[in-house]
C-alpha atoms as a PDB file:
ATOM      1  CA  UNK A   1      86.070 107.771 109.544  1.00  0.00           C
ATOM      2  CA  UNK A   2      88.703 107.063 112.184  1.00  0.00           C
ATOM      3  CA  UNK A   3      87.759 106.190 115.422  1.00  0.00           C
ATOM      4  CA  UNK A   4      90.038 106.511 118.648  1.00  0.00           C
ATOM      5  CA  UNK A   5      89.446 102.720 119.370  1.00  0.00           C
ATOM      6  CA  UNK A   6      90.847 102.073 116.219  1.00  0.00           C
ATOM      7  CA  UNK A   7      94.004 103.548 116.734  1.00  0.00           C
ATOM      8  CA  UNK A   8      97.039 101.781 118.589  1.00  0.00           C
ATOM      9  CA  UNK A   9      96.311 103.179 121.908  1.00  0.00           C
ATOM     10  CA  UNK A  10      96.158 100.410 124.548  1.00  0.00           C
ATOM     11  CA  UNK A  11      97.531  97.663 122.030  1.00  0.00           C
ATOM     12  CA  UNK A  12     101.002  95.959 121.813  1.00  0.00           C
ATOM     13  CA  UNK A  13     102.995  97.933 119.121  1.00  0.00           C
ATOM     14  CA  UNK A  14     105.945  96.671 116.614  1.00  0.00           C
ATOM     15  CA  UNK A  15     108.511  99.547 116.342  1.00  0.00           C
ATOM     16  CA  UNK A  16     108.832 100.506 112.734  1.00  0.00           C
ATOM     17  CA  UNK A  17     112.364 101.571 112.558  1.00  0.00           C
ATOM     18  CA  UNK A  18     111.999 102.781 108.753  1.00  0.00           C
ATOM     19  CA  UNK A  19     109.878 105.774 107.735  1.00  0.00           C
ATOM     20  CA  UNK A  20     106.347 104.779 107.256  1.00  0.00           C
ATOM     21  CA  UNK A  21     103.995 107.830 107.148  1.00  0.00           C
ATOM     22  CA  UNK A  22     101.010 105.062 107.149  1.00  0.00           C
ATOM     23  CA  UNK A  23     101.603 105.219 111.227  1.00  0.00           C
ATOM     24  CA  UNK A  24     100.070 108.604 111.788  1.00  0.00           C
ATOM     25  CA  UNK A  25      96.239 107.785 112.653  1.00  0.00           C
ATOM     26  CA  UNK A  26      94.096 110.880 112.102  1.00  0.00           C
ATOM     27  CA  UNK A  27      90.980 111.248 113.853  1.00  0.00           C
ATOM     28  CA  UNK A  28      88.367 113.906 112.711  1.00  0.00           C
ATOM     29  CA  UNK A  29      87.492 117.039 115.104  1.00  0.00           C
ATOM     30  CA  UNK A  30      84.021 117.235 113.961  1.00  0.00           C
ATOM     31  CA  UNK A  31      82.810 114.240 115.793  1.00  0.00           C
ATOM     32  CA  UNK A  32      83.545 115.778 119.321  1.00  0.00           C
ATOM     33  CA  UNK A  33      82.924 119.217 118.197  1.00  0.00           C
ATOM     34  CA  UNK A  34      79.507 118.521 117.366  1.00  0.00           C
ATOM     35  CA  UNK A  35      79.329 117.001 120.948  1.00  0.00           C
ATOM     36  CA  UNK A  36      79.930 120.996 122.568  1.00  0.00           C
ATOM     37  CA  UNK A  37      77.348 122.702 120.581  1.00  0.00           C
ATOM     38  CA  UNK A  38      80.054 123.096 116.841  1.00  0.00           C
ATOM     39  CA  UNK A  39      78.259 122.413 113.998  1.00  0.00           C
ATOM     40  CA  UNK A  40      80.127 124.404 111.606  1.00  0.00           C
ATOM     41  CA  UNK A  41      82.482 126.963 111.759  1.00  0.00           C
ATOM     42  CA  UNK A  42      84.350 127.174 115.361  1.00  0.00           C
ATOM     43  CA  UNK A  43      84.172 130.583 117.540  1.00  0.00           C
ATOM     44  CA  UNK A  44      87.806 130.399 117.993  1.00  0.00           C
ATOM     45  CA  UNK A  45      91.155 130.246 116.294  1.00  0.00           C
ATOM     46  CA  UNK A  46      94.341 128.563 117.325  1.00  0.00           C
ATOM     47  CA  UNK A  47      96.311 125.808 117.063  1.00  0.00           C
ATOM     48  CA  UNK A  48      97.746 122.509 119.040  1.00  0.00           C
ATOM     49  CA  UNK A  49     101.664 123.500 119.327  1.00  0.00           C
ATOM     50  CA  UNK A  50     103.410 119.499 119.804  1.00  0.00           C
ATOM     51  CA  UNK A  51     106.964 119.298 121.002  1.00  0.00           C
ATOM     52  CA  UNK A  52     109.026 115.810 120.299  1.00  0.00           C
ATOM     53  CA  UNK A  53     111.317 115.450 122.823  1.00  0.00           C
ATOM     54  CA  UNK A  54     112.686 111.833 120.956  1.00  0.00           C
ATOM     55  CA  UNK A  55     113.349 112.550 117.184  1.00  0.00           C
ATOM     56  CA  UNK A  56     116.572 111.076 115.526  1.00  0.00           C
ATOM     57  CA  UNK A  57     117.353 109.823 112.226  1.00  0.00           C
ATOM     58  CA  UNK A  58     120.503 108.842 110.320  1.00  0.00           C
ATOM     59  CA  UNK A  59     122.912 111.028 108.355  1.00  0.00           C
ATOM     60  CA  UNK A  60     124.156 109.697 104.788  1.00  0.00           C
ATOM     61  CA  UNK A  61     127.071 107.921 106.639  1.00  0.00           C
ATOM     62  CA  UNK A  62     124.702 105.947 109.271  1.00  0.00           C
ATOM     63  CA  UNK A  63     125.675 108.339 112.224  1.00  0.00           C
ATOM     64  CA  UNK A  64     122.467 108.845 114.492  1.00  0.00           C
ATOM     65  CA  UNK A  65     121.385 112.554 114.660  1.00  0.00           C
ATOM     66  CA  UNK A  66     119.136 113.522 117.727  1.00  0.00           C
ATOM     67  CA  UNK A  67     117.000 116.917 118.049  1.00  0.00           C
ATOM     68  CA  UNK A  68     113.924 118.338 119.802  1.00  0.00           C
ATOM     69  CA  UNK A  69     111.222 119.314 117.276  1.00  0.00           C
ATOM     70  CA  UNK A  70     108.135 121.808 117.478  1.00  0.00           C
ATOM     71  CA  UNK A  71     104.880 121.268 115.289  1.00  0.00           C
ATOM     72  CA  UNK A  72     101.980 123.816 114.930  1.00  0.00           C
ATOM     73  CA  UNK A  73      98.726 122.141 113.776  1.00  0.00           C
ATOM     74  CA  UNK A  74      96.075 124.792 113.139  1.00  0.00           C
ATOM     75  CA  UNK A  75      92.976 124.343 114.578  1.00  0.00           C
ATOM     76  CA  UNK A  76      90.790 124.577 111.232  1.00  0.00           C
ATOM     77  CA  UNK A  77      92.810 121.006 110.265  1.00  0.00           C
ATOM     78  CA  UNK A  78      90.087 118.489 109.827  1.00  0.00           C
ATOM     79  CA  UNK A  79      91.893 116.049 112.355  1.00  0.00           C
ATOM     80  CA  UNK A  80      93.936 115.602 115.214  1.00  0.00           C
ATOM     81  CA  UNK A  81      96.775 113.259 115.031  1.00  0.00           C
ATOM     82  CA  UNK A  82      96.211 110.433 117.886  1.00  0.00           C
ATOM     83  CA  UNK A  83      99.605 110.678 120.135  1.00  0.00           C
ATOM     84  CA  UNK A  84     100.743 107.258 120.204  1.00  0.00           C
ATOM     85  CA  UNK A  85     100.397 106.929 116.145  1.00  0.00           C
ATOM     86  CA  UNK A  86     102.112 110.154 116.217  1.00  0.00           C
ATOM     87  CA  UNK A  87     105.119 108.433 118.446  1.00  0.00           C
ATOM     88  CA  UNK A  88     105.171 105.561 116.219  1.00  0.00           C
ATOM     89  CA  UNK A  89     105.573 107.757 113.240  1.00  0.00           C
ATOM     90  CA  UNK A  90     108.557 109.364 114.644  1.00  0.00           C
ATOM     91  CA  UNK A  91     110.134 106.326 115.541  1.00  0.00           C
ATOM     92  CA  UNK A  92     110.046 104.910 112.102  1.00  0.00           C
ATOM     93  CA  UNK A  93     112.773 107.641 111.222  1.00  0.00           C
ATOM     94  CA  UNK A  94     115.154 105.806 113.938  1.00  0.00           C
ATOM     95  CA  UNK A  95     117.200 104.030 110.881  1.00  0.00           C
ATOM     96  CA  UNK A  96     116.036 106.238 107.920  1.00  0.00           C
ATOM     97  CA  UNK A  97     118.876 108.160 106.387  1.00  0.00           C
ATOM     98  CA  UNK A  98     118.370 112.010 105.513  1.00  0.00           C
ATOM     99  CA  UNK A  99     120.713 114.030 103.372  1.00  0.00           C
ATOM    100  CA  UNK A 100     120.530 116.886 105.984  1.00  0.00           C
ATOM    101  CA  UNK A 101     118.209 118.626 107.947  1.00  0.00           C
ATOM    102  CA  UNK A 102     116.130 120.311 105.194  1.00  0.00           C
ATOM    103  CA  UNK A 103     115.097 117.238 104.213  1.00  0.00           C
ATOM    104  CA  UNK A 104     113.807 116.246 107.707  1.00  0.00           C
ATOM    105  CA  UNK A 105     111.812 118.854 107.907  1.00  0.00           C
ATOM    106  CA  UNK A 106     110.220 118.177 104.313  1.00  0.00           C
ATOM    107  CA  UNK A 107     109.528 114.974 105.300  1.00  0.00           C
ATOM    108  CA  UNK A 108     107.890 115.752 108.547  1.00  0.00           C
ATOM    109  CA  UNK A 109     105.632 118.446 107.085  1.00  0.00           C
ATOM    110  CA  UNK A 110     104.504 116.818 104.159  1.00  0.00           C
ATOM    111  CA  UNK A 111     103.795 113.552 106.224  1.00  0.00           C
ATOM    112  CA  UNK A 112     101.839 115.489 108.860  1.00  0.00           C
ATOM    113  CA  UNK A 113      99.858 117.921 106.346  1.00  0.00           C
ATOM    114  CA  UNK A 114      98.764 115.114 104.646  1.00  0.00           C
ATOM    115  CA  UNK A 115      97.389 113.468 107.547  1.00  0.00           C
ATOM    116  CA  UNK A 116      95.946 116.707 109.364  1.00  0.00           C
ATOM    117  CA  UNK A 117      93.956 117.528 105.996  1.00  0.00           C
ATOM    118  CA  UNK A 118      92.968 113.632 104.879  1.00  0.00           C
ATOM    119  CA  UNK A 119      89.234 113.263 104.545  1.00  0.00           C
ATOM    120  CA  UNK A 120      87.256 110.049 104.698  1.00  0.00           C
ATOM    121  CA  UNK A 121      90.394 107.802 104.507  1.00  0.00           C
ATOM    122  CA  UNK A 122      91.596 109.880 101.103  1.00  0.00           C
ATOM    123  CA  UNK A 123      94.411 112.516 101.303  1.00  0.00           C
ATOM    124  CA  UNK A 124      93.258 115.857  99.989  1.00  0.00           C
ATOM    125  CA  UNK A 125      94.876 119.137  98.871  1.00  0.00           C
ATOM    126  CA  UNK A 126      96.167 120.769 101.868  1.00  0.00           C
ATOM    127  CA  UNK A 127      95.225 124.498 102.132  1.00  0.00           C
ATOM    128  CA  UNK A 128      98.045 125.141 104.671  1.00  0.00           C
ATOM    129  CA  UNK A 129     100.972 123.374 105.887  1.00  0.00           C
ATOM    130  CA  UNK A 130     101.746 122.628 109.592  1.00  0.00           C
ATOM    131  CA  UNK A 131     104.648 124.366 111.210  1.00  0.00           C
ATOM    132  CA  UNK A 132     107.972 122.692 111.983  1.00  0.00           C
ATOM    133  CA  UNK A 133     110.705 123.345 113.634  1.00  0.00           C
ATOM    134  CA  UNK A 134     113.788 121.413 114.642  1.00  0.00           C
ATOM    135  CA  UNK A 135     116.558 122.551 117.480  1.00  0.00           C
ATOM    136  CA  UNK A 136     119.875 120.476 117.481  1.00  0.00           C
ATOM    137  CA  UNK A 137     121.682 119.702 120.409  1.00  0.00           C
ATOM    138  CA  UNK A 138     123.934 122.705 120.216  1.00  0.00           C
ATOM    139  CA  UNK A 139     120.424 124.848 121.033  1.00  0.00           C
ATOM    140  CA  UNK A 140     119.519 122.619 123.896  1.00  0.00           C
ATOM    141  CA  UNK A 141     121.019 124.752 126.681  1.00  0.00           C
ATOM    142  CA  UNK A 142     119.143 127.661 125.346  1.00  0.00           C
ATOM    143  CA  UNK A 143     115.851 126.227 125.615  1.00  0.00           C
ATOM    144  CA  UNK A 144     113.834 127.995 128.452  1.00  0.00           C
ATOM    145  CA  UNK A 145     111.479 126.877 131.386  1.00  0.00           C
ATOM    146  CA  UNK A 146     108.575 129.089 132.150  1.00  0.00           C
ATOM    147  CA  UNK A 147     105.525 128.978 133.933  1.00  0.00           C
ATOM    148  CA  UNK A 148     102.217 130.354 132.492  1.00  0.00           C
ATOM    149  CA  UNK A 149     101.865 133.917 133.651  1.00  0.00           C
ATOM    150  CA  UNK A 150      98.566 135.067 135.404  1.00  0.00           C
ATOM    151  CA  UNK A 151      97.242 134.794 138.790  1.00  0.00           C
ATOM    152  CA  UNK A 152      96.822 131.378 139.973  1.00  0.00           C
ATOM    153  CA  UNK A 153      93.425 130.158 141.282  1.00  0.00           C
ATOM    154  CA  UNK A 154      95.219 127.518 143.035  1.00  0.00           C
ATOM    155  CA  UNK A 155      95.710 129.811 146.053  1.00  0.00           C
ATOM    156  CA  UNK A 156      92.236 129.474 146.527  1.00  0.00           C
ATOM    157  CA  UNK A 157      90.767 127.149 149.666  1.00  0.00           C
ATOM    158  CA  UNK A 158      87.907 125.870 148.112  1.00  0.00           C
ATOM    159  CA  UNK A 159      85.544 122.496 148.546  1.00  0.00           C
ATOM    160  CA  UNK A 160      85.860 120.377 145.185  1.00  0.00           C
ATOM    161  CA  UNK A 161      83.185 117.864 145.026  1.00  0.00           C
ATOM    162  CA  UNK A 162      82.641 117.801 141.226  1.00  0.00           C
ATOM    163  CA  UNK A 163      85.007 115.321 139.128  1.00  0.00           C
ATOM    164  CA  UNK A 164      83.186 115.352 135.974  1.00  0.00           C
ATOM    165  CA  UNK A 165      82.583 118.637 133.414  1.00  0.00           C
ATOM    166  CA  UNK A 166      80.278 120.827 135.246  1.00  0.00           C
ATOM    167  CA  UNK A 167      79.608 124.125 133.266  1.00  0.00           C
ATOM    168  CA  UNK A 168      76.789 125.190 135.748  1.00  0.00           C
ATOM    169  CA  UNK A 169      79.873 125.817 138.532  1.00  0.00           C
ATOM    170  CA  UNK A 170      80.810 129.141 136.044  1.00  0.00           C
ATOM    171  CA  UNK A 171      79.404 131.987 137.069  1.00  0.00           C
ATOM    172  CA  UNK A 172      79.780 135.919 136.413  1.00  0.00           C
ATOM    173  CA  UNK A 173      79.358 138.899 138.494  1.00  0.00           C
ATOM    174  CA  UNK A 174      76.896 140.854 136.212  1.00  0.00           C
ATOM    175  CA  UNK A 175      76.224 144.631 135.947  1.00  0.00           C
ATOM    176  CA  UNK A 176      79.997 146.036 136.536  1.00  0.00           C
ATOM    177  CA  UNK A 177      82.638 147.553 134.177  1.00  0.00           C
ATOM    178  CA  UNK A 178      84.003 144.481 132.189  1.00  0.00           C
ATOM    179  CA  UNK A 179      87.448 143.524 133.309  1.00  0.00           C
ATOM    180  CA  UNK A 180      90.128 142.076 131.785  1.00  0.00           C
ATOM    181  CA  UNK A 181      92.010 139.373 133.627  1.00  0.00           C
ATOM    182  CA  UNK A 182      94.627 136.274 133.318  1.00  0.00           C
ATOM    183  CA  UNK A 183      94.041 132.939 135.684  1.00  0.00           C
ATOM    184  CA  UNK A 184      96.102 130.118 135.586  1.00  0.00           C
ATOM    185  CA  UNK A 185      95.730 126.537 137.480  1.00  0.00           C
ATOM    186  CA  UNK A 186      98.140 123.758 137.696  1.00  0.00           C
ATOM    187  CA  UNK A 187      95.455 121.637 138.621  1.00  0.00           C
ATOM    188  CA  UNK A 188      93.890 120.416 135.292  1.00  0.00           C
ATOM    189  CA  UNK A 189      93.608 116.769 134.877  1.00  0.00           C
ATOM    190  CA  UNK A 190      91.796 114.239 132.556  1.00  0.00           C
ATOM    191  CA  UNK A 191      92.241 110.757 131.349  1.00  0.00           C
ATOM    192  CA  UNK A 192      93.125 109.967 127.972  1.00  0.00           C
ATOM    193  CA  UNK A 193      90.023 109.109 125.794  1.00  0.00           C
ATOM    194  CA  UNK A 194      90.921 105.101 125.115  1.00  0.00           C
ATOM    195  CA  UNK A 195      93.289 103.942 127.973  1.00  0.00           C
ATOM    196  CA  UNK A 196      91.895 106.081 130.871  1.00  0.00           C
ATOM    197  CA  UNK A 197      95.763 107.017 131.665  1.00  0.00           C
ATOM    198  CA  UNK A 198      95.874 110.229 133.737  1.00  0.00           C
ATOM    199  CA  UNK A 199      96.773 113.382 131.426  1.00  0.00           C
ATOM    200  CA  UNK A 200      98.421 116.149 133.542  1.00  0.00           C
ATOM    201  CA  UNK A 201      98.182 119.777 132.474  1.00  0.00           C
ATOM    202  CA  UNK A 202      98.415 123.525 133.238  1.00  0.00           C
ATOM    203  CA  UNK A 203      95.679 126.152 132.141  1.00  0.00           C
ATOM    204  CA  UNK A 204      95.491 129.783 131.234  1.00  0.00           C
ATOM    205  CA  UNK A 205      92.683 131.589 130.702  1.00  0.00           C
ATOM    206  CA  UNK A 206      92.253 135.560 129.724  1.00  0.00           C
ATOM    207  CA  UNK A 207      88.872 136.622 129.020  1.00  0.00           C
ATOM    208  CA  UNK A 208      87.798 140.376 128.775  1.00  0.00           C
ATOM    209  CA  UNK A 209      84.083 140.668 130.098  1.00  0.00           C
ATOM    210  CA  UNK A 210      81.582 140.278 133.077  1.00  0.00           C
ATOM    211  CA  UNK A 211      83.955 139.220 135.866  1.00  0.00           C
ATOM    212  CA  UNK A 212      84.233 135.349 136.556  1.00  0.00           C
ATOM    213  CA  UNK A 213      83.870 133.962 139.750  1.00  0.00           C
ATOM    214  CA  UNK A 214      87.203 132.766 140.657  1.00  0.00           C
ATOM    215  CA  UNK A 215      86.536 129.832 143.193  1.00  0.00           C
ATOM    216  CA  UNK A 216      83.564 128.805 140.570  1.00  0.00           C
ATOM    217  CA  UNK A 217      86.180 128.627 137.590  1.00  0.00           C
ATOM    218  CA  UNK A 218      88.867 126.615 139.969  1.00  0.00           C
ATOM    219  CA  UNK A 219      85.928 123.938 140.775  1.00  0.00           C
ATOM    220  CA  UNK A 220      84.892 123.877 137.248  1.00  0.00           C
ATOM    221  CA  UNK A 221      88.712 123.287 136.306  1.00  0.00           C
ATOM    222  CA  UNK A 222      88.901 120.588 138.855  1.00  0.00           C
ATOM    223  CA  UNK A 223      85.840 118.956 137.264  1.00  0.00           C
ATOM    224  CA  UNK A 224      87.950 117.497 134.564  1.00  0.00           C
ATOM    225  CA  UNK A 225      89.472 115.332 136.826  1.00  0.00           C
ATOM    226  CA  UNK A 226      87.777 112.170 135.604  1.00  0.00           C
ATOM    227  CA  UNK A 227      86.943 112.699 132.665  1.00  0.00           C
ATOM    228  CA  UNK A 228      87.811 110.758 129.270  1.00  0.00           C
ATOM    229  CA  UNK A 229      88.831 113.022 126.259  1.00  0.00           C
ATOM    230  CA  UNK A 230      91.842 113.949 124.632  1.00  0.00           C
ATOM    231  CA  UNK A 231      93.688 117.178 125.233  1.00  0.00           C
ATOM    232  CA  UNK A 232      92.747 119.117 122.224  1.00  0.00           C
ATOM    233  CA  UNK A 233      89.165 118.108 122.895  1.00  0.00           C
ATOM    234  CA  UNK A 234      89.491 119.401 126.688  1.00  0.00           C
ATOM    235  CA  UNK A 235      90.622 122.388 126.093  1.00  0.00           C
ATOM    236  CA  UNK A 236      87.838 123.100 123.140  1.00  0.00           C
ATOM    237  CA  UNK A 237      85.401 122.132 125.501  1.00  0.00           C
ATOM    238  CA  UNK A 238      86.358 124.707 128.300  1.00  0.00           C
ATOM    239  CA  UNK A 239      86.638 127.297 125.827  1.00  0.00           C
ATOM    240  CA  UNK A 240      82.931 126.453 124.765  1.00  0.00           C
ATOM    241  CA  UNK A 241      81.831 126.464 128.483  1.00  0.00           C
ATOM    242  CA  UNK A 242      83.211 129.686 129.400  1.00  0.00           C
ATOM    243  CA  UNK A 243      82.215 131.524 126.188  1.00  0.00           C
ATOM    244  CA  UNK A 244      78.464 130.306 126.256  1.00  0.00           C
ATOM    245  CA  UNK A 245      77.914 130.381 129.946  1.00  0.00           C
ATOM    246  CA  UNK A 246      80.133 133.401 131.124  1.00  0.00           C
ATOM    247  CA  UNK A 247      79.494 135.275 127.465  1.00  0.00           C
ATOM    248  CA  UNK A 248      83.227 137.178 127.525  1.00  0.00           C
ATOM    249  CA  UNK A 249      83.744 139.991 124.998  1.00  0.00           C
ATOM    250  CA  UNK A 250      86.889 137.990 124.513  1.00  0.00           C
ATOM    251  CA  UNK A 251      88.549 134.664 125.232  1.00  0.00           C
ATOM    252  CA  UNK A 252      91.903 132.705 125.147  1.00  0.00           C
ATOM    253  CA  UNK A 253      92.129 129.067 126.525  1.00  0.00           C
ATOM    254  CA  UNK A 254      95.725 127.438 126.799  1.00  0.00           C
ATOM    255  CA  UNK A 255      96.712 124.192 128.144  1.00  0.00           C
ATOM    256  CA  UNK A 256     100.083 122.754 128.372  1.00  0.00           C
ATOM    257  CA  UNK A 257     100.108 119.151 128.977  1.00  0.00           C
ATOM    258  CA  UNK A 258     102.894 117.193 130.483  1.00  0.00           C
ATOM    259  CA  UNK A 259     104.782 114.630 127.907  1.00  0.00           C
ATOM    260  CA  UNK A 260     103.776 110.902 127.437  1.00  0.00           C
ATOM    261  CA  UNK A 261     105.795 108.893 124.705  1.00  0.00           C
ATOM    262  CA  UNK A 262     108.337 111.867 124.311  1.00  0.00           C
ATOM    263  CA  UNK A 263     105.558 114.280 123.303  1.00  0.00           C
ATOM    264  CA  UNK A 264     103.746 117.006 124.669  1.00  0.00           C
ATOM    265  CA  UNK A 265     100.585 118.800 123.520  1.00  0.00           C
ATOM    266  CA  UNK A 266      99.621 122.326 124.057  1.00  0.00           C
ATOM    267  CA  UNK A 267      96.535 123.272 122.619  1.00  0.00           C
ATOM    268  CA  UNK A 268      95.195 127.347 122.359  1.00  0.00           C
ATOM    269  CA  UNK A 269      92.093 128.592 121.361  1.00  0.00           C
ATOM    270  CA  UNK A 270      91.113 132.089 121.224  1.00  0.00           C
ATOM    271  CA  UNK A 271      87.849 134.286 119.965  1.00  0.00           C
ATOM    272  CA  UNK A 272      90.275 136.535 118.213  1.00  0.00           C
ATOM    273  CA  UNK A 273      93.098 136.496 116.314  1.00  0.00           C
ATOM    274  CA  UNK A 274      96.174 136.904 117.814  1.00  0.00           C
ATOM    275  CA  UNK A 275      99.960 135.831 117.951  1.00  0.00           C
ATOM    276  CA  UNK A 276     100.157 132.278 119.305  1.00  0.00           C
ATOM    277  CA  UNK A 277     101.850 131.659 122.816  1.00  0.00           C
ATOM    278  CA  UNK A 278     105.633 130.875 122.527  1.00  0.00           C
ATOM    279  CA  UNK A 279     106.101 127.097 122.735  1.00  0.00           C
ATOM    280  CA  UNK A 280     108.028 127.288 126.095  1.00  0.00           C
ATOM    281  CA  UNK A 281     107.767 124.229 128.096  1.00  0.00           C
ATOM    282  CA  UNK A 282     106.617 124.457 132.056  1.00  0.00           C
ATOM    283  CA  UNK A 283     108.856 122.829 134.962  1.00  0.00           C
ATOM    284  CA  UNK A 284     106.617 119.848 134.515  1.00  0.00           C
ATOM    285  CA  UNK A 285     106.827 119.436 130.972  1.00  0.00           C
END
């Protein structure tokens, strides 16, 4: 079983420019999920939505092509893909020739699908493939920038003293009618699990249930500031802490992290099936 410490994070890496799917480094989701009390089927649905800003390959005449790519990796897959390995894999397209755009998409879909469903180092028959869309340069000017919708918690003038996850800060006001609210914050920050490098993000929390105390929720989000964990794991921890302590009837947690190495990761987790948010970047991305 792969561990984060075995990945290329924090290590010198050769940049391979011919297609090499073995560069993808899957890490099982189950270990970190067990830490937050998930030992069987998770109480959420969702996906990890990636954007690749540095994708290039050669056409059959050797002319470079450039594009943006969106990847949708369902949260029920067995593994996440470590982000530096994802970057190295995408770089391996740089001097690889493809007949057309469909061939590029098919290759990306097949390789990444295999990696996220791999078990014990062995490929398995994937129950479902990942989503891949590629945007060519003529579409670049149509890409919007939009901040997360909701009431921004950052307006609150609060004292913050906790910088590692403190779920005890989460409280609700019981004995009132359930409310439906959407909160956002730009103050989410955590650190890479391996290198300790900062990861900056914005988060949106939507829920129906007993009213969550806003100041405590913001203090709780700030408490991730010195926490070392991957993006996907942070979002699942936030979801589970709110789910178990506040006991909402419905809950969705969505985070958009700033890009690193030409990639951003935007995990979404929801207690009830719903359409995924559109993969629209924020100004900081």
